[in-house]
Amino acid sequence: MGDPESGPKGRGFGHTVYDTLDKIKIDNLRAGSSIATRLALRMAMNPDFQPTRRDNMSVAKIIDNDPGLEGYRVAKTLAKQWPN
């Protein structure tokens, strides 16, 4: 943990026991990947799980209005202003 009295620096947060590769516990990695695999398999095999297909206009409306996509909208605007 960092000093709560000092200002933000670096990434703005401290390290945890989970943020470097040498801290990975192989049993936890196996368990997590097993759960993710089983979930993906159940979704793929479930006939009731039918994702709806959206047209380009619907996707554009979601991008323009979803508050969680603000960073995407900013990046899109910046890319138009300063192309590679």
N, C-alpha and C. Protein backbone atom coordinates (compact mmCIF):
# COMPACT_ATOMS: atom_id res chain seq x y z
N MET A 1 0.84 -1.17 0.00
CA MET A 1 0.00 0.00 0.00
C MET A 1 0.88 1.24 0.00
N GLY A 2 0.32 2.32 -0.46
CA GLY A 2 1.06 3.57 -0.50
C GLY A 2 0.76 4.45 0.70
N ASP A 3 1.42 5.57 0.73
CA ASP A 3 1.22 6.54 1.80
C ASP A 3 -0.02 7.36 1.47
N PRO A 4 -1.07 7.33 2.31
CA PRO A 4 -2.31 8.05 2.00
C PRO A 4 -2.14 9.57 2.03
N GLU A 5 -1.06 10.04 2.65
CA GLU A 5 -0.83 11.48 2.73
C GLU A 5 -0.13 12.03 1.49
N SER A 6 0.56 11.19 0.74
CA SER A 6 1.26 11.67 -0.44
C SER A 6 0.31 11.72 -1.63
N GLY A 7 0.64 12.54 -2.60
CA GLY A 7 -0.20 12.66 -3.78
C GLY A 7 -0.04 11.47 -4.70
N PRO A 8 -0.92 11.37 -5.71
CA PRO A 8 -0.82 10.24 -6.64
C PRO A 8 0.45 10.32 -7.47
N LYS A 9 1.03 9.18 -7.73
CA LYS A 9 2.21 9.12 -8.58
C LYS A 9 2.24 7.75 -9.26
N GLY A 10 2.96 7.66 -10.32
CA GLY A 10 3.02 6.40 -11.06
C GLY A 10 1.66 6.03 -11.60
N ARG A 11 1.22 4.79 -11.36
CA ARG A 11 -0.07 4.33 -11.84
C ARG A 11 -1.21 4.82 -10.96
N GLY A 12 -0.89 5.37 -9.78
CA GLY A 12 -1.93 5.87 -8.91
C GLY A 12 -2.44 4.84 -7.92
N PHE A 13 -1.84 3.66 -7.89
CA PHE A 13 -2.25 2.64 -6.94
C PHE A 13 -1.06 1.72 -6.68
N GLY A 14 -1.11 0.98 -5.62
CA GLY A 14 -0.01 0.10 -5.24
C GLY A 14 -0.11 -1.26 -5.87
N HIS A 15 0.94 -2.03 -5.71
CA HIS A 15 0.95 -3.41 -6.21
C HIS A 15 0.14 -4.31 -5.29
N THR A 16 -0.35 -5.37 -5.85
CA THR A 16 -1.02 -6.41 -5.07
C THR A 16 -0.25 -7.71 -5.27
N VAL A 17 -0.63 -8.74 -4.54
CA VAL A 17 0.04 -10.03 -4.70
C VAL A 17 -0.35 -10.71 -6.01
N TYR A 18 -1.32 -10.14 -6.73
CA TYR A 18 -1.82 -10.79 -7.93
C TYR A 18 -1.37 -10.12 -9.23
N ASP A 19 -0.52 -9.08 -9.18
CA ASP A 19 -0.27 -8.33 -10.40
C ASP A 19 1.06 -8.62 -11.08
N THR A 20 1.76 -9.64 -10.68
CA THR A 20 2.98 -10.03 -11.40
C THR A 20 2.94 -11.53 -11.66
N LEU A 21 3.58 -11.94 -12.74
CA LEU A 21 3.52 -13.34 -13.16
C LEU A 21 4.12 -14.29 -12.13
N ASP A 22 5.12 -13.84 -11.38
CA ASP A 22 5.73 -14.74 -10.41
C ASP A 22 4.82 -15.03 -9.22
N LYS A 23 3.70 -14.31 -9.11
CA LYS A 23 2.75 -14.51 -8.01
C LYS A 23 1.59 -15.44 -8.38
N ILE A 24 1.56 -15.88 -9.63
CA ILE A 24 0.46 -16.72 -10.08
C ILE A 24 0.51 -18.08 -9.40
N LYS A 25 -0.62 -18.52 -8.90
CA LYS A 25 -0.73 -19.86 -8.35
C LYS A 25 -1.41 -20.71 -9.42
N ILE A 26 -0.71 -21.74 -9.86
CA ILE A 26 -1.18 -22.55 -10.99
C ILE A 26 -2.53 -23.19 -10.71
N ASP A 27 -2.80 -23.56 -9.46
CA ASP A 27 -4.11 -24.16 -9.14
C ASP A 27 -5.24 -23.16 -9.34
N ASN A 28 -5.03 -21.89 -8.97
CA ASN A 28 -6.04 -20.86 -9.19
C ASN A 28 -6.24 -20.60 -10.67
N LEU A 29 -5.16 -20.60 -11.44
CA LEU A 29 -5.26 -20.41 -12.88
C LEU A 29 -6.04 -21.54 -13.53
N ARG A 30 -5.77 -22.76 -13.12
CA ARG A 30 -6.51 -23.92 -13.65
C ARG A 30 -7.99 -23.85 -13.30
N ALA A 31 -8.29 -23.50 -12.05
CA ALA A 31 -9.69 -23.42 -11.63
C ALA A 31 -10.43 -22.34 -12.40
N GLY A 32 -9.82 -21.17 -12.55
CA GLY A 32 -10.47 -20.07 -13.28
C GLY A 32 -10.69 -20.40 -14.74
N SER A 33 -9.69 -21.01 -15.37
CA SER A 33 -9.85 -21.36 -16.79
C SER A 33 -10.87 -22.48 -16.97
N SER A 34 -10.96 -23.37 -16.01
CA SER A 34 -11.95 -24.44 -16.07
C SER A 34 -13.37 -23.87 -15.99
N ILE A 35 -13.58 -22.94 -15.08
CA ILE A 35 -14.90 -22.32 -14.94
C ILE A 35 -15.27 -21.56 -16.21
N ALA A 36 -14.31 -20.79 -16.75
CA ALA A 36 -14.58 -20.02 -17.97
C ALA A 36 -14.90 -20.95 -19.14
N THR A 37 -14.19 -22.06 -19.24
CA THR A 37 -14.42 -23.02 -20.32
C THR A 37 -15.80 -23.66 -20.21
N ARG A 38 -16.16 -24.07 -18.98
CA ARG A 38 -17.47 -24.68 -18.79
C ARG A 38 -18.60 -23.70 -19.09
N LEU A 39 -18.42 -22.44 -18.70
CA LEU A 39 -19.43 -21.42 -19.00
C LEU A 39 -19.57 -21.24 -20.51
N ALA A 40 -18.45 -21.12 -21.21
CA ALA A 40 -18.50 -20.95 -22.67
C ALA A 40 -19.15 -22.15 -23.34
N LEU A 41 -18.85 -23.35 -22.86
CA LEU A 41 -19.44 -24.56 -23.44
C LEU A 41 -20.95 -24.60 -23.20
N ARG A 42 -21.38 -24.26 -21.98
CA ARG A 42 -22.82 -24.23 -21.71
C ARG A 42 -23.54 -23.22 -22.58
N MET A 43 -22.95 -22.05 -22.76
CA MET A 43 -23.58 -21.03 -23.60
C MET A 43 -23.66 -21.49 -25.05
N ALA A 44 -22.60 -22.15 -25.52
CA ALA A 44 -22.57 -22.61 -26.91
C ALA A 44 -23.58 -23.73 -27.16
N MET A 45 -23.81 -24.56 -26.16
CA MET A 45 -24.69 -25.71 -26.34
C MET A 45 -26.15 -25.42 -26.00
N ASN A 46 -26.44 -24.27 -25.44
CA ASN A 46 -27.81 -23.93 -25.01
C ASN A 46 -28.58 -23.36 -26.20
N PRO A 47 -29.62 -24.03 -26.66
CA PRO A 47 -30.38 -23.51 -27.80
C PRO A 47 -31.15 -22.24 -27.47
N ASP A 48 -31.40 -21.98 -26.19
CA ASP A 48 -32.10 -20.75 -25.80
C ASP A 48 -31.19 -19.52 -25.80
N PHE A 49 -29.89 -19.75 -25.83
CA PHE A 49 -28.94 -18.65 -25.83
C PHE A 49 -28.70 -18.22 -27.28
N GLN A 50 -29.54 -17.34 -27.73
CA GLN A 50 -29.45 -16.86 -29.11
C GLN A 50 -29.14 -15.36 -29.10
N PRO A 51 -27.89 -14.99 -29.26
CA PRO A 51 -27.59 -13.56 -29.29
C PRO A 51 -28.31 -12.89 -30.46
N THR A 52 -28.81 -11.70 -30.23
CA THR A 52 -29.50 -10.98 -31.30
C THR A 52 -28.49 -10.26 -32.17
N ARG A 53 -28.73 -10.33 -33.44
CA ARG A 53 -27.86 -9.65 -34.40
C ARG A 53 -28.37 -8.23 -34.57
N ARG A 54 -27.46 -7.26 -34.57
CA ARG A 54 -27.83 -5.86 -34.71
C ARG A 54 -27.29 -5.31 -36.02
N ASP A 55 -28.04 -4.38 -36.61
CA ASP A 55 -27.56 -3.74 -37.83
C ASP A 55 -26.61 -2.60 -37.45
N ASN A 56 -25.96 -2.03 -38.43
CA ASN A 56 -24.96 -0.98 -38.20
C ASN A 56 -25.55 0.24 -37.50
N MET A 57 -26.78 0.60 -37.82
CA MET A 57 -27.41 1.77 -37.20
C MET A 57 -27.64 1.53 -35.71
N SER A 58 -28.06 0.33 -35.33
CA SER A 58 -28.28 0.00 -33.92
C SER A 58 -26.97 0.05 -33.14
N VAL A 59 -25.91 -0.47 -33.74
CA VAL A 59 -24.60 -0.46 -33.08
C VAL A 59 -24.12 0.98 -32.91
N ALA A 60 -24.29 1.80 -33.95
CA ALA A 60 -23.87 3.20 -33.86
C ALA A 60 -24.64 3.93 -32.76
N LYS A 61 -25.92 3.63 -32.61
CA LYS A 61 -26.73 4.26 -31.57
C LYS A 61 -26.22 3.86 -30.17
N ILE A 62 -25.88 2.60 -30.01
CA ILE A 62 -25.33 2.13 -28.73
C ILE A 62 -24.01 2.84 -28.44
N ILE A 63 -23.13 2.91 -29.43
CA ILE A 63 -21.84 3.57 -29.25
C ILE A 63 -22.02 5.04 -28.88
N ASP A 64 -22.97 5.70 -29.50
CA ASP A 64 -23.19 7.13 -29.25
C ASP A 64 -23.83 7.41 -27.91
N ASN A 65 -24.56 6.46 -27.32
CA ASN A 65 -25.34 6.75 -26.12
C ASN A 65 -24.91 6.02 -24.85
N ASP A 66 -24.17 4.94 -24.96
CA ASP A 66 -23.81 4.16 -23.77
C ASP A 66 -22.75 4.91 -22.96
N PRO A 67 -23.04 5.23 -21.68
CA PRO A 67 -22.07 5.97 -20.88
C PRO A 67 -20.77 5.20 -20.64
N GLY A 68 -20.82 3.89 -20.71
CA GLY A 68 -19.62 3.09 -20.51
C GLY A 68 -18.65 3.15 -21.68
N LEU A 69 -19.07 3.71 -22.80
CA LEU A 69 -18.23 3.79 -23.99
C LEU A 69 -17.66 5.19 -24.23
N GLU A 70 -17.64 6.01 -23.19
CA GLU A 70 -17.13 7.38 -23.34
C GLU A 70 -15.68 7.38 -23.81
N GLY A 71 -14.85 6.52 -23.25
CA GLY A 71 -13.45 6.45 -23.65
C GLY A 71 -13.30 6.09 -25.12
N TYR A 72 -14.14 5.18 -25.60
CA TYR A 72 -14.11 4.81 -27.02
C TYR A 72 -14.46 6.00 -27.90
N ARG A 73 -15.50 6.75 -27.48
CA ARG A 73 -15.91 7.92 -28.27
C ARG A 73 -14.80 8.97 -28.32
N VAL A 74 -14.14 9.19 -27.20
CA VAL A 74 -13.04 10.16 -27.16
C VAL A 74 -11.91 9.71 -28.07
N ALA A 75 -11.53 8.42 -27.98
CA ALA A 75 -10.46 7.90 -28.83
C ALA A 75 -10.82 8.01 -30.31
N LYS A 76 -12.07 7.76 -30.63
CA LYS A 76 -12.53 7.86 -32.02
C LYS A 76 -12.42 9.30 -32.52
N THR A 77 -12.81 10.26 -31.67
CA THR A 77 -12.72 11.67 -32.04
C THR A 77 -11.27 12.10 -32.21
N LEU A 78 -10.40 11.66 -31.30
CA LEU A 78 -8.99 12.02 -31.40
C LEU A 78 -8.35 11.42 -32.65
N ALA A 79 -8.74 10.20 -32.98
CA ALA A 79 -8.19 9.55 -34.18
C ALA A 79 -8.56 10.32 -35.45
N LYS A 80 -9.75 10.92 -35.45
CA LYS A 80 -10.15 11.71 -36.62
C LYS A 80 -9.35 13.00 -36.70
N GLN A 81 -9.07 13.60 -35.52
CA GLN A 81 -8.32 14.86 -35.51
C GLN A 81 -6.85 14.68 -35.80
N TRP A 82 -6.26 13.58 -35.32
CA TRP A 82 -4.84 13.33 -35.51
C TRP A 82 -4.63 11.94 -36.10
N PRO A 83 -4.88 11.80 -37.39
CA PRO A 83 -4.67 10.47 -38.00
C PRO A 83 -3.18 10.10 -38.00
N ASN A 84 -2.92 8.81 -38.10
CA ASN A 84 -1.52 8.33 -38.08
C ASN A 84 -0.75 8.91 -39.20
